[in-house]
């Protein structure tokens, strides 16, 4: 009598006294995953383990992490640029007072990153 696994085309290999199913994850291309992709992976592992496992077994985890990373970097550029314009943090301020420019840009980057993390990294949207 065949098991359901065998009926679906699955095969086994003998390991000592045990039959082990021949399972493998689908091949997935290499993606460059940066800071935000790694943060997303940590979030999924810790807070959304079922979603993490589904992405991993479907072979789409690395693509998802790369997409999140790219989206975060693009969104950071837009938000930082807009906030700097809105708050008058320009090259003129940099030339006049570098320390003040640095403080204000760091503040802008920190606020922008908080927005990006909330919107993209820690968001649990549907990934079907």
N, C-alpha and C. Protein backbone atom coordinates (compact mmCIF):
# COMPACT_ATOMS: atom_id res chain seq x y z
N UNK A 1 0.84 -1.18 0.00
CA UNK A 1 0.00 0.00 0.00
C UNK A 1 0.89 1.25 0.00
N UNK A 2 0.60 2.18 -0.94
CA UNK A 2 1.40 3.40 -1.06
C UNK A 2 0.88 4.47 -0.10
N UNK A 3 1.82 5.24 0.40
CA UNK A 3 1.44 6.37 1.24
C UNK A 3 0.93 7.50 0.36
N UNK A 4 0.28 8.48 0.97
CA UNK A 4 -0.21 9.64 0.24
C UNK A 4 0.96 10.37 -0.42
N UNK A 5 2.08 10.45 0.27
CA UNK A 5 3.29 11.08 -0.25
C UNK A 5 3.73 10.38 -1.54
N UNK A 6 3.73 9.06 -1.53
CA UNK A 6 4.13 8.30 -2.72
C UNK A 6 3.11 8.46 -3.84
N UNK A 7 1.84 8.51 -3.51
CA UNK A 7 0.81 8.71 -4.52
C UNK A 7 0.95 10.05 -5.21
N UNK A 8 1.48 11.04 -4.50
CA UNK A 8 1.68 12.37 -5.07
C UNK A 8 3.02 12.48 -5.80
N UNK A 9 3.75 11.37 -5.92
CA UNK A 9 5.02 11.37 -6.65
C UNK A 9 6.24 11.48 -5.77
N UNK A 10 6.06 11.46 -4.47
CA UNK A 10 7.18 11.56 -3.55
C UNK A 10 7.98 10.26 -3.47
N UNK A 11 9.25 10.39 -3.15
CA UNK A 11 10.11 9.22 -3.01
C UNK A 11 10.80 9.25 -1.65
N UNK A 12 11.34 8.10 -1.27
CA UNK A 12 12.03 7.97 0.01
C UNK A 12 13.44 7.46 -0.23
N UNK A 13 14.29 7.66 0.77
CA UNK A 13 15.62 7.05 0.77
C UNK A 13 15.80 6.33 2.10
N UNK A 14 16.56 5.25 2.08
CA UNK A 14 16.80 4.43 3.27
C UNK A 14 17.94 5.03 4.08
N UNK A 15 17.70 5.30 5.35
CA UNK A 15 18.73 5.75 6.29
C UNK A 15 18.69 4.79 7.47
N UNK A 16 19.56 3.79 7.47
CA UNK A 16 19.53 2.78 8.52
C UNK A 16 18.21 2.01 8.44
N UNK A 17 17.45 2.04 9.52
CA UNK A 17 16.16 1.35 9.55
C UNK A 17 14.99 2.26 9.15
N UNK A 18 15.27 3.49 8.77
CA UNK A 18 14.21 4.45 8.51
C UNK A 18 14.14 4.85 7.04
N UNK A 19 12.93 5.12 6.60
CA UNK A 19 12.71 5.70 5.27
C UNK A 19 12.51 7.20 5.46
N UNK A 20 13.38 7.97 4.82
CA UNK A 20 13.34 9.43 4.92
C UNK A 20 12.81 9.99 3.61
N UNK A 21 11.80 10.88 3.66
CA UNK A 21 11.29 11.46 2.40
C UNK A 21 12.37 12.34 1.74
N UNK A 22 12.44 12.27 0.42
CA UNK A 22 13.37 13.10 -0.34
C UNK A 22 12.72 14.46 -0.56
N UNK A 23 12.99 15.37 0.36
CA UNK A 23 12.43 16.71 0.30
C UNK A 23 13.55 17.72 0.10
N UNK A 24 13.26 18.76 -0.65
CA UNK A 24 14.23 19.84 -0.85
C UNK A 24 13.47 21.12 -1.06
N UNK A 25 14.04 22.21 -0.59
CA UNK A 25 13.44 23.52 -0.83
C UNK A 25 13.66 23.90 -2.28
N UNK A 26 12.73 24.64 -2.86
CA UNK A 26 12.93 25.07 -4.25
C UNK A 26 14.15 25.98 -4.37
N UNK A 27 14.80 25.93 -5.52
CA UNK A 27 15.95 26.80 -5.76
C UNK A 27 15.48 28.24 -5.80
N UNK A 28 16.28 29.09 -5.19
CA UNK A 28 15.94 30.51 -5.15
C UNK A 28 17.19 31.29 -5.55
N UNK A 29 17.04 32.26 -6.45
CA UNK A 29 18.22 33.03 -6.86
C UNK A 29 18.81 33.82 -5.69
N UNK A 30 20.06 34.20 -5.84
CA UNK A 30 20.74 34.99 -4.81
C UNK A 30 20.25 36.43 -4.87
N UNK A 31 19.94 36.99 -3.73
CA UNK A 31 19.53 38.38 -3.62
C UNK A 31 20.44 39.06 -2.61
N UNK A 32 20.71 40.33 -2.86
CA UNK A 32 21.44 41.13 -1.88
C UNK A 32 20.44 41.64 -0.86
N UNK A 33 20.62 41.27 0.38
CA UNK A 33 19.70 41.69 1.43
C UNK A 33 20.46 42.59 2.39
N UNK A 34 19.99 43.81 2.52
CA UNK A 34 20.64 44.80 3.37
C UNK A 34 20.02 44.86 4.75
N UNK A 35 20.26 45.98 5.39
CA UNK A 35 19.84 46.21 6.77
C UNK A 35 18.33 45.99 6.96
N UNK A 36 17.51 46.58 6.12
CA UNK A 36 16.06 46.49 6.30
C UNK A 36 15.54 45.09 6.00
N UNK A 37 16.14 44.41 5.04
CA UNK A 37 15.76 43.03 4.75
C UNK A 37 16.07 42.11 5.92
N UNK A 38 17.23 42.34 6.55
CA UNK A 38 17.59 41.53 7.72
C UNK A 38 16.66 41.82 8.90
N UNK A 39 16.29 43.09 9.05
CA UNK A 39 15.36 43.45 10.12
C UNK A 39 13.99 42.80 9.88
N UNK A 40 13.56 42.78 8.63
CA UNK A 40 12.28 42.14 8.29
C UNK A 40 12.33 40.65 8.59
N UNK A 41 13.46 40.00 8.23
CA UNK A 41 13.61 38.57 8.51
C UNK A 41 13.51 38.31 10.02
N UNK A 42 14.18 39.11 10.82
CA UNK A 42 14.13 38.94 12.28
C UNK A 42 12.71 39.13 12.80
N UNK A 43 12.02 40.14 12.27
CA UNK A 43 10.64 40.39 12.68
C UNK A 43 9.76 39.19 12.34
N UNK A 44 9.87 38.69 11.11
CA UNK A 44 9.05 37.55 10.70
C UNK A 44 9.34 36.32 11.55
N UNK A 45 10.61 36.04 11.79
CA UNK A 45 10.97 34.87 12.60
C UNK A 45 10.38 34.95 13.99
N UNK A 46 10.46 36.13 14.60
CA UNK A 46 10.05 36.27 15.99
C UNK A 46 8.54 36.47 16.16
N UNK A 47 7.93 37.28 15.28
CA UNK A 47 6.54 37.65 15.49
C UNK A 47 5.54 37.04 14.50
N UNK A 48 6.02 36.55 13.37
CA UNK A 48 5.15 35.96 12.36
C UNK A 48 5.74 34.64 11.87
N UNK A 49 5.94 33.66 12.76
CA UNK A 49 6.63 32.42 12.37
C UNK A 49 5.94 31.62 11.28
N UNK A 50 4.61 31.66 11.23
CA UNK A 50 3.90 30.91 10.20
C UNK A 50 4.14 31.54 8.84
N UNK A 51 4.05 32.85 8.76
CA UNK A 51 4.33 33.56 7.51
C UNK A 51 5.77 33.34 7.08
N UNK A 52 6.69 33.39 8.03
CA UNK A 52 8.11 33.14 7.74
C UNK A 52 8.28 31.74 7.14
N UNK A 53 7.67 30.75 7.77
CA UNK A 53 7.79 29.36 7.28
C UNK A 53 7.17 29.22 5.90
N UNK A 54 6.03 29.87 5.67
CA UNK A 54 5.39 29.80 4.35
C UNK A 54 6.27 30.41 3.27
N UNK A 55 6.83 31.57 3.54
CA UNK A 55 7.71 32.21 2.56
C UNK A 55 8.94 31.33 2.30
N UNK A 56 9.48 30.75 3.35
CA UNK A 56 10.67 29.92 3.23
C UNK A 56 10.38 28.67 2.41
N UNK A 57 9.28 27.99 2.70
CA UNK A 57 8.99 26.74 2.00
C UNK A 57 8.52 26.97 0.56
N UNK A 58 7.93 28.15 0.29
CA UNK A 58 7.56 28.47 -1.09
C UNK A 58 8.75 28.92 -1.91
N UNK A 59 9.86 29.20 -1.24
CA UNK A 59 11.04 29.65 -1.95
C UNK A 59 11.00 31.13 -2.32
N UNK A 60 10.20 31.91 -1.59
CA UNK A 60 10.07 33.33 -1.92
C UNK A 60 10.60 34.25 -0.82
N UNK A 61 11.17 33.68 0.23
CA UNK A 61 11.62 34.50 1.36
C UNK A 61 12.68 35.51 0.94
N UNK A 62 13.72 35.06 0.27
CA UNK A 62 14.81 35.98 -0.07
C UNK A 62 14.37 37.06 -1.05
N UNK A 63 13.50 36.70 -1.98
CA UNK A 63 12.98 37.72 -2.90
C UNK A 63 12.17 38.76 -2.12
N UNK A 64 11.33 38.28 -1.19
CA UNK A 64 10.53 39.18 -0.35
C UNK A 64 11.43 40.12 0.46
N UNK A 65 12.47 39.57 1.08
CA UNK A 65 13.37 40.39 1.89
C UNK A 65 14.11 41.42 1.03
N UNK A 66 14.52 41.03 -0.17
CA UNK A 66 15.20 41.96 -1.08
C UNK A 66 14.24 43.07 -1.52
N UNK A 67 12.99 42.72 -1.78
CA UNK A 67 12.01 43.73 -2.17
C UNK A 67 11.74 44.71 -1.04
N UNK A 68 11.62 44.20 0.17
CA UNK A 68 11.42 45.07 1.34
C UNK A 68 12.61 46.00 1.51
N UNK A 69 13.82 45.45 1.41
CA UNK A 69 15.03 46.24 1.56
C UNK A 69 15.08 47.36 0.53
N UNK A 70 14.81 47.04 -0.71
CA UNK A 70 14.83 48.04 -1.78
C UNK A 70 13.76 49.11 -1.55
N UNK A 71 12.56 48.68 -1.20
CA UNK A 71 11.47 49.63 -0.94
C UNK A 71 11.81 50.57 0.21
N UNK A 72 12.41 50.03 1.26
CA UNK A 72 12.79 50.85 2.41
C UNK A 72 13.84 51.88 2.03
N UNK A 73 14.84 51.47 1.28
CA UNK A 73 15.89 52.41 0.87
C UNK A 73 15.33 53.52 -0.01
N UNK A 74 14.46 53.16 -0.95
CA UNK A 74 13.84 54.16 -1.81
C UNK A 74 12.97 55.12 -1.01
N UNK A 75 12.19 54.56 -0.10
CA UNK A 75 11.30 55.39 0.74
C UNK A 75 12.13 56.31 1.65
N UNK A 76 13.23 55.82 2.19
CA UNK A 76 14.11 56.65 3.03
C UNK A 76 14.61 57.86 2.24
N UNK A 77 15.07 57.65 1.01
CA UNK A 77 15.57 58.76 0.20
C UNK A 77 14.49 59.82 -0.01
N UNK A 78 13.28 59.38 -0.32
CA UNK A 78 12.18 60.30 -0.57
C UNK A 78 11.83 61.09 0.69
N UNK A 79 11.67 60.39 1.80
CA UNK A 79 11.26 61.03 3.05
C UNK A 79 12.34 62.00 3.53
N UNK A 80 13.60 61.57 3.52
CA UNK A 80 14.69 62.45 3.98
C UNK A 80 14.76 63.70 3.12
N UNK A 81 14.67 63.53 1.83
CA UNK A 81 14.72 64.68 0.91
C UNK A 81 13.57 65.64 1.17
N UNK A 82 12.36 65.11 1.29
CA UNK A 82 11.19 65.96 1.53
C UNK A 82 11.27 66.67 2.88
N UNK A 83 11.68 65.95 3.92
CA UNK A 83 11.77 66.56 5.24
C UNK A 83 12.85 67.65 5.27
N UNK A 84 13.97 67.39 4.61
CA UNK A 84 15.05 68.38 4.58
C UNK A 84 14.58 69.65 3.88
N UNK A 85 13.88 69.50 2.77
CA UNK A 85 13.34 70.68 2.08
C UNK A 85 12.35 71.42 2.96
N UNK A 86 11.46 70.66 3.58
CA UNK A 86 10.41 71.25 4.40
C UNK A 86 10.99 72.01 5.60
N UNK A 87 12.08 71.49 6.16
CA UNK A 87 12.67 72.10 7.36
C UNK A 87 13.81 73.05 7.03
N UNK A 88 14.07 73.26 5.75
CA UNK A 88 15.10 74.22 5.35
C UNK A 88 16.53 73.76 5.62
N UNK A 89 16.73 72.47 5.63
CA UNK A 89 18.08 71.93 5.84
C UNK A 89 18.70 71.72 4.46
N UNK A 90 19.49 72.70 4.03
CA UNK A 90 20.05 72.69 2.68
C UNK A 90 21.56 72.85 2.73
N UNK A 91 22.15 72.87 1.55
CA UNK A 91 23.61 73.02 1.43
C UNK A 91 24.09 74.34 2.02
N UNK A 92 23.25 75.37 1.99
CA UNK A 92 23.63 76.67 2.56
C UNK A 92 23.88 76.53 4.06
N UNK A 93 23.01 75.79 4.74
CA UNK A 93 23.18 75.56 6.17
C UNK A 93 24.44 74.73 6.42
N UNK A 94 24.68 73.76 5.56
CA UNK A 94 25.88 72.92 5.70
C UNK A 94 27.14 73.76 5.59
N UNK A 95 27.15 74.71 4.65
CA UNK A 95 28.32 75.58 4.48
C UNK A 95 28.48 76.53 5.65
N UNK A 96 27.35 77.00 6.20
CA UNK A 96 27.40 77.98 7.28
C UNK A 96 27.69 77.34 8.64
N UNK A 97 27.05 76.22 8.93
CA UNK A 97 27.18 75.59 10.25
C UNK A 97 27.07 74.07 10.11
N UNK A 98 28.18 73.41 9.93
CA UNK A 98 28.19 71.96 9.69
C UNK A 98 27.62 71.17 10.85
N UNK A 99 27.92 71.60 12.06
CA UNK A 99 27.41 70.87 13.23
C UNK A 99 25.88 70.92 13.29
N UNK A 100 25.33 72.09 13.09
CA UNK A 100 23.87 72.23 13.10
C UNK A 100 23.25 71.42 11.98
N UNK A 101 23.85 71.47 10.80
CA UNK A 101 23.36 70.69 9.66
C UNK A 101 23.38 69.20 9.99
N UNK A 102 24.48 68.75 10.59
CA UNK A 102 24.60 67.34 10.97
C UNK A 102 23.55 66.91 11.98
N UNK A 103 23.33 67.74 12.99
CA UNK A 103 22.31 67.43 14.01
C UNK A 103 20.93 67.33 13.37
N UNK A 104 20.61 68.29 12.52
CA UNK A 104 19.29 68.31 11.91
C UNK A 104 19.11 67.14 10.93
N UNK A 105 20.13 66.82 10.16
CA UNK A 105 20.04 65.70 9.23
C UNK A 105 19.91 64.37 9.98
N UNK A 106 20.64 64.22 11.07
CA UNK A 106 20.50 63.00 11.88
C UNK A 106 19.09 62.87 12.44
N UNK A 107 18.52 63.98 12.88
CA UNK A 107 17.15 63.97 13.38
C UNK A 107 16.19 63.57 12.26
N UNK A 108 16.38 64.13 11.09
CA UNK A 108 15.52 63.80 9.94
C UNK A 108 15.66 62.33 9.59
N UNK A 109 16.89 61.82 9.52
CA UNK A 109 17.09 60.41 9.18
C UNK A 109 16.45 59.48 10.21
N UNK A 110 16.59 59.83 11.48
CA UNK A 110 15.99 59.00 12.53
C UNK A 110 14.46 58.96 12.42
N UNK A 111 13.86 60.11 12.18
CA UNK A 111 12.40 60.16 12.04
C UNK A 111 11.96 59.41 10.78
N UNK A 112 12.70 59.59 9.69
CA UNK A 112 12.36 58.91 8.44
C UNK A 112 12.47 57.40 8.61
N UNK A 113 13.52 56.96 9.32
CA UNK A 113 13.69 55.52 9.52
C UNK A 113 12.56 54.95 10.36
N UNK A 114 12.11 55.70 11.35
CA UNK A 114 10.99 55.24 12.18
C UNK A 114 9.74 55.05 11.32
N UNK A 115 9.51 55.96 10.39
CA UNK A 115 8.36 55.84 9.48
C UNK A 115 8.51 54.60 8.60
N UNK A 116 9.69 54.43 8.03
CA UNK A 116 9.94 53.30 7.13
C UNK A 116 9.80 51.97 7.87
N UNK A 117 10.34 51.89 9.06
CA UNK A 117 10.24 50.65 9.83
C UNK A 117 8.78 50.32 10.14
N UNK A 118 8.02 51.32 10.53
CA UNK A 118 6.61 51.11 10.86
C UNK A 118 5.81 50.72 9.62
N UNK A 119 6.05 51.42 8.51
CA UNK A 119 5.26 51.18 7.29
C UNK A 119 5.62 49.89 6.58
N UNK A 120 6.90 49.54 6.53
CA UNK A 120 7.33 48.44 5.67
C UNK A 120 7.90 47.23 6.40
N UNK A 121 8.78 47.45 7.36
CA UNK A 121 9.47 46.32 8.00
C UNK A 121 8.56 45.59 8.98
N UNK A 122 7.85 46.35 9.82
CA UNK A 122 7.03 45.73 10.85
C UNK A 122 5.57 45.64 10.47
N UNK A 123 5.25 45.90 9.22
CA UNK A 123 3.89 45.79 8.72
C UNK A 123 3.63 44.32 8.39
N UNK A 124 2.44 43.86 8.68
CA UNK A 124 2.13 42.45 8.45
C UNK A 124 1.07 42.30 7.37
N UNK A 125 1.31 42.92 6.23
CA UNK A 125 0.35 42.85 5.14
C UNK A 125 0.30 41.47 4.53
N UNK A 126 -0.77 41.20 3.78
CA UNK A 126 -1.01 39.90 3.17
C UNK A 126 -0.05 39.71 2.00
N UNK A 127 0.62 38.58 1.94
CA UNK A 127 1.65 38.31 0.91
C UNK A 127 1.24 37.26 -0.10
N UNK A 128 -0.01 37.01 -0.28
CA UNK A 128 -0.43 35.97 -1.23
C UNK A 128 -0.08 36.25 -2.61
